[in-house]
Structures are given as structure tokens and as C-alpha cells.
Amino acid sequence: MTTRRHIIAGAASLATPFLWNTSARAADPYPSKVITIVVPQAPGGANDVIGRALAQRLSAA
């Protein structure tokens, strides 16, 4: 009997987040406006190159 209760409780706890996230599905996709990435190092450095590569991948997503 307790095994059956554990299975039902587990299934209910797994299903709850999917049933209660209707507001997340109805919301506008994030971000809804342009985001500016600021790299506080000199242009052409390693941090700048990584920041530019990251910005390209984020804009494609």
C-alpha cells in the first residue's frame, strides 16, 4: 500500500510544475528588448574576442 502511495505522490510531484507554469508559457519571449553586452577590457584582447563570440552565439539563439 505504501509503495502505491509513493508512486502516486511521486507522479503528482513531477506533474505539478508542468500544470502550474501556464503563465510562463503565456509570457513574451525573454528578452523582449535589445541587451547590450559591455566588455570592460581593451579591444582586441582575449576577453574582447570571447565577448564577441558569446554575443554572436546569443544573438543566434
N, C-alpha and C. Protein backbone atom coordinates (compact mmCIF):
# COMPACT_ATOMS: atom_id res chain seq x y z
N MET A 1 0.82 -1.19 0.00
CA MET A 1 0.00 0.00 0.00
C MET A 1 0.86 1.25 0.00
N THR A 2 1.94 1.23 0.79
CA THR A 2 2.79 2.42 0.82
C THR A 2 3.53 2.61 -0.50
N THR A 3 3.85 1.52 -1.18
CA THR A 3 4.51 1.66 -2.48
C THR A 3 3.60 2.36 -3.47
N ARG A 4 2.33 2.01 -3.45
CA ARG A 4 1.37 2.66 -4.34
C ARG A 4 1.25 4.14 -4.00
N ARG A 5 1.23 4.47 -2.73
CA ARG A 5 1.16 5.87 -2.32
C ARG A 5 2.41 6.62 -2.75
N HIS A 6 3.55 5.98 -2.63
CA HIS A 6 4.80 6.62 -3.05
C HIS A 6 4.80 6.88 -4.55
N ILE A 7 4.29 5.96 -5.32
CA ILE A 7 4.23 6.13 -6.78
C ILE A 7 3.28 7.27 -7.13
N ILE A 8 2.12 7.30 -6.50
CA ILE A 8 1.15 8.37 -6.77
C ILE A 8 1.70 9.72 -6.33
N ALA A 9 2.32 9.78 -5.16
CA ALA A 9 2.90 11.03 -4.68
C ALA A 9 4.03 11.50 -5.58
N GLY A 10 4.85 10.57 -6.05
CA GLY A 10 5.94 10.92 -6.96
C GLY A 10 5.41 11.44 -8.28
N ALA A 11 4.40 10.78 -8.83
CA ALA A 11 3.82 11.23 -10.09
C ALA A 11 3.17 12.60 -9.94
N ALA A 12 2.51 12.83 -8.82
CA ALA A 12 1.88 14.13 -8.59
C ALA A 12 2.93 15.23 -8.43
N SER A 13 4.02 14.92 -7.74
CA SER A 13 5.05 15.94 -7.55
C SER A 13 5.79 16.24 -8.86
N LEU A 14 5.89 15.27 -9.74
CA LEU A 14 6.51 15.52 -11.04
C LEU A 14 5.58 16.26 -11.99
N ALA A 15 4.28 16.05 -11.87
CA ALA A 15 3.33 16.68 -12.78
C ALA A 15 2.97 18.10 -12.36
N THR A 16 3.12 18.43 -11.09
CA THR A 16 2.71 19.74 -10.59
C THR A 16 3.39 20.92 -11.30
N PRO A 17 4.72 20.93 -11.47
CA PRO A 17 5.32 22.09 -12.15
C PRO A 17 4.83 22.28 -13.58
N PHE A 18 4.53 21.20 -14.27
CA PHE A 18 4.07 21.32 -15.65
C PHE A 18 2.64 21.85 -15.72
N LEU A 19 1.86 21.60 -14.70
CA LEU A 19 0.48 22.09 -14.69
C LEU A 19 0.39 23.54 -14.24
N TRP A 20 1.36 24.01 -13.46
CA TRP A 20 1.29 25.35 -12.90
C TRP A 20 2.11 26.37 -13.65
N ASN A 21 2.73 26.04 -14.76
CA ASN A 21 3.56 27.01 -15.45
C ASN A 21 2.86 27.61 -16.66
N THR A 22 1.56 27.74 -16.62
CA THR A 22 0.83 28.31 -17.74
C THR A 22 1.17 29.78 -17.94
N SER A 23 1.46 30.50 -16.86
CA SER A 23 1.83 31.91 -17.01
C SER A 23 3.18 32.05 -17.70
N ALA A 24 4.07 31.11 -17.49
CA ALA A 24 5.37 31.17 -18.17
C ALA A 24 5.21 30.93 -19.66
N ARG A 25 4.29 30.08 -20.05
CA ARG A 25 4.06 29.83 -21.46
C ARG A 25 3.35 30.99 -22.14
N ALA A 26 2.55 31.74 -21.39
CA ALA A 26 1.79 32.84 -21.96
C ALA A 26 2.61 34.13 -22.03
N ALA A 27 3.76 34.18 -21.36
CA ALA A 27 4.56 35.40 -21.32
C ALA A 27 5.30 35.60 -22.64
N ASP A 28 5.72 36.86 -22.87
CA ASP A 28 6.52 37.17 -24.05
C ASP A 28 7.88 36.48 -23.95
N PRO A 29 8.47 36.14 -25.08
CA PRO A 29 9.80 35.51 -25.02
C PRO A 29 10.83 36.48 -24.45
N TYR A 30 11.69 35.97 -23.61
CA TYR A 30 12.72 36.80 -22.98
C TYR A 30 13.93 36.82 -23.88
N PRO A 31 14.61 37.85 -24.09
CA PRO A 31 14.31 39.22 -23.73
C PRO A 31 13.42 39.87 -24.77
N SER A 32 12.62 40.80 -24.36
CA SER A 32 11.72 41.47 -25.29
C SER A 32 12.33 42.77 -25.82
N LYS A 33 13.54 43.12 -25.38
CA LYS A 33 14.22 44.30 -25.89
C LYS A 33 15.71 43.98 -26.08
N VAL A 34 16.43 44.88 -26.71
CA VAL A 34 17.84 44.67 -27.02
C VAL A 34 18.67 44.70 -25.74
N ILE A 35 19.62 43.78 -25.63
CA ILE A 35 20.53 43.73 -24.49
C ILE A 35 21.92 44.14 -24.97
N THR A 36 22.58 45.02 -24.23
CA THR A 36 23.93 45.46 -24.56
C THR A 36 24.93 44.73 -23.67
N ILE A 37 25.92 44.10 -24.29
CA ILE A 37 26.97 43.41 -23.54
C ILE A 37 28.17 44.34 -23.49
N VAL A 38 28.66 44.62 -22.29
CA VAL A 38 29.81 45.50 -22.11
C VAL A 38 30.99 44.66 -21.64
N VAL A 39 32.08 44.69 -22.41
CA VAL A 39 33.31 44.01 -22.04
C VAL A 39 34.29 45.08 -21.56
N PRO A 40 34.65 45.10 -20.28
CA PRO A 40 35.44 46.21 -19.74
C PRO A 40 36.95 46.09 -19.96
N GLN A 41 37.38 45.40 -21.00
CA GLN A 41 38.79 45.30 -21.32
C GLN A 41 39.06 45.95 -22.67
N ALA A 42 40.33 46.03 -23.02
CA ALA A 42 40.74 46.69 -24.27
C ALA A 42 40.27 45.89 -25.49
N PRO A 43 39.95 46.58 -26.60
CA PRO A 43 39.55 45.88 -27.82
C PRO A 43 40.70 45.05 -28.37
N GLY A 44 40.37 43.88 -28.89
CA GLY A 44 41.36 43.00 -29.49
C GLY A 44 41.98 42.03 -28.52
N GLY A 45 41.69 42.17 -27.24
CA GLY A 45 42.23 41.26 -26.25
C GLY A 45 41.43 39.97 -26.19
N ALA A 46 41.88 39.05 -25.35
CA ALA A 46 41.22 37.75 -25.24
C ALA A 46 39.79 37.90 -24.74
N ASN A 47 39.58 38.77 -23.76
CA ASN A 47 38.22 38.97 -23.23
C ASN A 47 37.29 39.56 -24.29
N ASP A 48 37.82 40.45 -25.13
CA ASP A 48 37.02 41.05 -26.19
C ASP A 48 36.62 40.00 -27.22
N VAL A 49 37.56 39.16 -27.60
CA VAL A 49 37.28 38.11 -28.59
C VAL A 49 36.24 37.14 -28.05
N ILE A 50 36.38 36.75 -26.79
CA ILE A 50 35.41 35.83 -26.18
C ILE A 50 34.04 36.51 -26.06
N GLY A 51 34.03 37.78 -25.69
CA GLY A 51 32.77 38.52 -25.59
C GLY A 51 32.06 38.63 -26.93
N ARG A 52 32.81 38.87 -28.00
CA ARG A 52 32.20 38.95 -29.33
C ARG A 52 31.66 37.60 -29.78
N ALA A 53 32.41 36.54 -29.51
CA ALA A 53 31.94 35.20 -29.88
C ALA A 53 30.68 34.84 -29.09
N LEU A 54 30.66 35.20 -27.82
CA LEU A 54 29.49 34.94 -26.99
C LEU A 54 28.29 35.73 -27.48
N ALA A 55 28.51 36.99 -27.86
CA ALA A 55 27.41 37.82 -28.35
C ALA A 55 26.82 37.27 -29.64
N GLN A 56 27.67 36.76 -30.53
CA GLN A 56 27.18 36.18 -31.77
C GLN A 56 26.33 34.94 -31.51
N ARG A 57 26.78 34.10 -30.59
CA ARG A 57 26.01 32.89 -30.28
C ARG A 57 24.70 33.22 -29.59
N LEU A 58 24.71 34.23 -28.72
CA LEU A 58 23.48 34.61 -28.04
C LEU A 58 22.48 35.25 -29.00
N SER A 59 22.97 36.00 -29.98
CA SER A 59 22.05 36.62 -30.94
C SER A 59 21.46 35.58 -31.88
N ALA A 60 22.16 34.48 -32.11
CA ALA A 60 21.64 33.43 -32.98
C ALA A 60 20.60 32.57 -32.26
N ALA A 61 20.65 32.56 -30.94
CA ALA A 61 19.75 31.69 -30.17
C ALA A 61 18.36 32.23 -30.09
